[in-house]
Amino acid sequence: MSAAHFSPEEIPNRLLYPIKEAMVLLSMSRSTIYEQLRAGRLRSVTQGASRLIPASALNEYVSLLEKEAQEAASAEAA
């Protein structure tokens, strides 16, 4: 079964996630994940030929999105 068929609850808690599992956890497409990696907004590490996303990087990325949303809401209210 590929990661695309997993629900986030079915993905085990890990320190490092392959791209396919990060896609499910963030509800983002593969191309969006790679765009965010290229932009430096999402961190990754490599192990051999595999690119892995640290759990801490997922949390930091979500925090960044929340901060940006809060700043946008504040700017609209002003």
N, C-alpha and C. Protein backbone atom coordinates (compact mmCIF):
# COMPACT_ATOMS: atom_id res chain seq x y z
N MET A 1 0.86 -1.18 0.00
CA MET A 1 0.00 0.00 0.00
C MET A 1 0.90 1.23 0.00
N SER A 2 0.66 2.17 -0.90
CA SER A 2 1.49 3.37 -0.97
C SER A 2 1.04 4.37 0.08
N ALA A 3 1.92 5.31 0.40
CA ALA A 3 1.60 6.32 1.42
C ALA A 3 0.41 7.17 1.02
N ALA A 4 0.19 7.33 -0.28
CA ALA A 4 -0.94 8.14 -0.73
C ALA A 4 -2.28 7.54 -0.30
N HIS A 5 -2.29 6.25 0.01
CA HIS A 5 -3.51 5.59 0.45
C HIS A 5 -3.65 5.54 1.96
N PHE A 6 -2.65 6.04 2.67
CA PHE A 6 -2.72 6.09 4.13
C PHE A 6 -3.49 7.32 4.56
N SER A 7 -4.13 7.20 5.70
CA SER A 7 -4.65 8.40 6.35
C SER A 7 -3.54 8.85 7.30
N PRO A 8 -3.53 10.12 7.71
CA PRO A 8 -2.49 10.56 8.63
C PRO A 8 -2.41 9.72 9.90
N GLU A 9 -3.55 9.19 10.35
CA GLU A 9 -3.57 8.39 11.57
C GLU A 9 -2.86 7.05 11.38
N GLU A 10 -2.74 6.58 10.14
CA GLU A 10 -2.11 5.29 9.87
C GLU A 10 -0.60 5.39 9.71
N ILE A 11 -0.08 6.60 9.63
CA ILE A 11 1.36 6.78 9.48
C ILE A 11 1.98 6.79 10.88
N PRO A 12 2.94 5.91 11.13
CA PRO A 12 3.53 5.86 12.47
C PRO A 12 4.32 7.12 12.80
N ASN A 13 4.39 7.45 14.08
CA ASN A 13 5.21 8.58 14.51
C ASN A 13 6.67 8.20 14.32
N ARG A 14 7.40 9.07 13.64
CA ARG A 14 8.81 8.82 13.36
C ARG A 14 9.58 10.12 13.54
N LEU A 15 10.88 10.02 13.51
CA LEU A 15 11.72 11.21 13.51
C LEU A 15 11.94 11.72 12.09
N LEU A 16 11.89 10.82 11.11
CA LEU A 16 12.09 11.17 9.70
C LEU A 16 10.98 10.54 8.86
N TYR A 17 10.47 11.32 7.92
CA TYR A 17 9.40 10.84 7.04
C TYR A 17 9.82 10.92 5.58
N PRO A 18 9.54 9.87 4.80
CA PRO A 18 9.76 9.97 3.36
C PRO A 18 8.78 10.99 2.77
N ILE A 19 9.09 11.48 1.60
CA ILE A 19 8.28 12.51 0.95
C ILE A 19 6.81 12.09 0.87
N LYS A 20 6.55 10.85 0.48
CA LYS A 20 5.16 10.40 0.33
C LYS A 20 4.38 10.51 1.63
N GLU A 21 5.00 10.20 2.74
CA GLU A 21 4.31 10.32 4.02
C GLU A 21 4.16 11.78 4.43
N ALA A 22 5.17 12.61 4.14
CA ALA A 22 5.06 14.04 4.42
C ALA A 22 3.92 14.66 3.60
N MET A 23 3.74 14.17 2.38
CA MET A 23 2.63 14.64 1.54
C MET A 23 1.30 14.40 2.24
N VAL A 24 1.13 13.22 2.80
CA VAL A 24 -0.12 12.87 3.48
C VAL A 24 -0.28 13.71 4.74
N LEU A 25 0.78 13.79 5.54
CA LEU A 25 0.71 14.52 6.80
C LEU A 25 0.41 16.00 6.61
N LEU A 26 0.95 16.60 5.55
CA LEU A 26 0.74 18.03 5.29
C LEU A 26 -0.43 18.28 4.34
N SER A 27 -1.02 17.23 3.81
CA SER A 27 -2.11 17.36 2.82
C SER A 27 -1.68 18.23 1.64
N MET A 28 -0.51 17.92 1.11
CA MET A 28 0.06 18.67 -0.02
C MET A 28 0.51 17.71 -1.10
N SER A 29 0.56 18.22 -2.31
CA SER A 29 1.02 17.42 -3.44
C SER A 29 2.54 17.31 -3.41
N ARG A 30 3.04 16.36 -4.15
CA ARG A 30 4.49 16.16 -4.28
C ARG A 30 5.15 17.42 -4.81
N SER A 31 4.57 18.04 -5.82
CA SER A 31 5.18 19.24 -6.40
C SER A 31 5.21 20.39 -5.40
N THR A 32 4.17 20.52 -4.59
CA THR A 32 4.15 21.58 -3.57
C THR A 32 5.22 21.33 -2.52
N ILE A 33 5.37 20.08 -2.10
CA ILE A 33 6.41 19.74 -1.13
C ILE A 33 7.78 20.14 -1.68
N TYR A 34 8.06 19.77 -2.93
CA TYR A 34 9.36 20.10 -3.51
C TYR A 34 9.53 21.60 -3.72
N GLU A 35 8.47 22.32 -4.05
CA GLU A 35 8.54 23.78 -4.15
C GLU A 35 8.95 24.39 -2.81
N GLN A 36 8.34 23.90 -1.74
CA GLN A 36 8.64 24.42 -0.40
C GLN A 36 10.07 24.06 0.01
N LEU A 37 10.55 22.90 -0.38
CA LEU A 37 11.94 22.52 -0.12
C LEU A 37 12.90 23.44 -0.87
N ARG A 38 12.62 23.69 -2.16
CA ARG A 38 13.48 24.57 -2.96
C ARG A 38 13.49 25.99 -2.42
N ALA A 39 12.35 26.45 -1.91
CA ALA A 39 12.24 27.80 -1.38
C ALA A 39 12.87 27.91 0.01
N GLY A 40 13.25 26.80 0.62
CA GLY A 40 13.85 26.83 1.94
C GLY A 40 12.84 26.96 3.07
N ARG A 41 11.57 26.80 2.75
CA ARG A 41 10.52 26.92 3.76
C ARG A 41 10.30 25.60 4.51
N LEU A 42 10.75 24.51 3.93
CA LEU A 42 10.64 23.18 4.53
C LEU A 42 12.01 22.53 4.43
N ARG A 43 12.51 22.02 5.55
CA ARG A 43 13.83 21.40 5.58
C ARG A 43 13.74 19.91 5.27
N SER A 44 14.85 19.39 4.77
CA SER A 44 14.95 17.95 4.55
C SER A 44 16.39 17.51 4.78
N VAL A 45 16.55 16.21 4.89
CA VAL A 45 17.88 15.61 4.98
C VAL A 45 17.92 14.49 3.95
N THR A 46 19.12 14.08 3.60
CA THR A 46 19.25 12.95 2.69
C THR A 46 19.98 11.82 3.40
N GLN A 47 19.55 10.63 3.09
CA GLN A 47 20.21 9.41 3.56
C GLN A 47 20.38 8.55 2.33
N GLY A 48 21.60 8.52 1.82
CA GLY A 48 21.83 7.85 0.55
C GLY A 48 21.08 8.61 -0.54
N ALA A 49 20.24 7.91 -1.28
CA ALA A 49 19.47 8.54 -2.35
C ALA A 49 18.10 9.01 -1.87
N SER A 50 17.79 8.77 -0.60
CA SER A 50 16.46 9.12 -0.07
C SER A 50 16.45 10.51 0.54
N ARG A 51 15.43 11.27 0.22
CA ARG A 51 15.21 12.56 0.85
C ARG A 51 14.14 12.36 1.92
N LEU A 52 14.46 12.78 3.14
CA LEU A 52 13.57 12.58 4.28
C LEU A 52 13.28 13.92 4.94
N ILE A 53 12.08 14.05 5.48
CA ILE A 53 11.67 15.27 6.15
C ILE A 53 11.66 14.98 7.65
N PRO A 54 12.47 15.70 8.44
CA PRO A 54 12.43 15.51 9.89
C PRO A 54 11.08 15.92 10.47
N ALA A 55 10.64 15.22 11.49
CA ALA A 55 9.39 15.58 12.16
C ALA A 55 9.45 17.02 12.65
N SER A 56 10.61 17.45 13.14
CA SER A 56 10.75 18.82 13.61
C SER A 56 10.54 19.82 12.48
N ALA A 57 10.96 19.47 11.26
CA ALA A 57 10.77 20.36 10.11
C ALA A 57 9.29 20.47 9.75
N LEU A 58 8.55 19.39 9.90
CA LEU A 58 7.11 19.44 9.65
C LEU A 58 6.44 20.39 10.64
N ASN A 59 6.81 20.29 11.91
CA ASN A 59 6.24 21.16 12.94
C ASN A 59 6.62 22.62 12.69
N GLU A 60 7.88 22.87 12.32
CA GLU A 60 8.31 24.24 12.02
C GLU A 60 7.56 24.81 10.83
N TYR A 61 7.34 23.99 9.81
CA TYR A 61 6.64 24.45 8.62
C TYR A 61 5.19 24.81 8.95
N VAL A 62 4.52 23.99 9.74
CA VAL A 62 3.14 24.29 10.14
C VAL A 62 3.11 25.58 10.96
N SER A 63 4.08 25.75 11.85
CA SER A 63 4.15 26.99 12.64
C SER A 63 4.35 28.20 11.73
N LEU A 64 5.18 28.05 10.70
CA LEU A 64 5.39 29.13 9.74
C LEU A 64 4.09 29.48 9.02
N LEU A 65 3.35 28.48 8.61
CA LEU A 65 2.07 28.72 7.93
C LEU A 65 1.09 29.42 8.86
N GLU A 66 1.05 29.00 10.12
CA GLU A 66 0.16 29.63 11.10
C GLU A 66 0.54 31.10 11.32
N LYS A 67 1.85 31.37 11.42
CA LYS A 67 2.34 32.73 11.62
C LYS A 67 1.96 33.61 10.42
N GLU A 68 2.17 33.08 9.22
CA GLU A 68 1.83 33.84 8.02
C GLU A 68 0.33 34.12 7.94
N ALA A 69 -0.49 33.16 8.32
CA ALA A 69 -1.94 33.35 8.30
C ALA A 69 -2.34 34.41 9.32
N GLN A 70 -1.72 34.37 10.49
CA GLN A 70 -2.03 35.35 11.53
C GLN A 70 -1.61 36.75 11.08
N GLU A 71 -0.44 36.88 10.45
CA GLU A 71 0.04 38.17 9.96
C GLU A 71 -0.88 38.71 8.86
N ALA A 72 -1.34 37.81 7.99
CA ALA A 72 -2.25 38.24 6.91
C ALA A 72 -3.58 38.71 7.50
N ALA A 73 -4.07 38.02 8.50
CA ALA A 73 -5.33 38.42 9.13
C ALA A 73 -5.18 39.77 9.83
N SER A 74 -4.03 39.98 10.48
CA SER A 74 -3.77 41.26 11.15
C SER A 74 -3.68 42.39 10.15
N ALA A 75 -3.05 42.13 9.01
CA ALA A 75 -2.90 43.16 7.97
C ALA A 75 -4.26 43.51 7.37
N GLU A 76 -5.12 42.52 7.21
CA GLU A 76 -6.46 42.78 6.67
C GLU A 76 -7.30 43.58 7.65
N ALA A 77 -7.11 43.34 8.94
CA ALA A 77 -7.90 44.03 9.97
C ALA A 77 -7.46 45.47 10.12
N ALA A 78 -6.24 45.78 9.73
CA ALA A 78 -5.72 47.14 9.91
C ALA A 78 -6.18 48.09 8.84
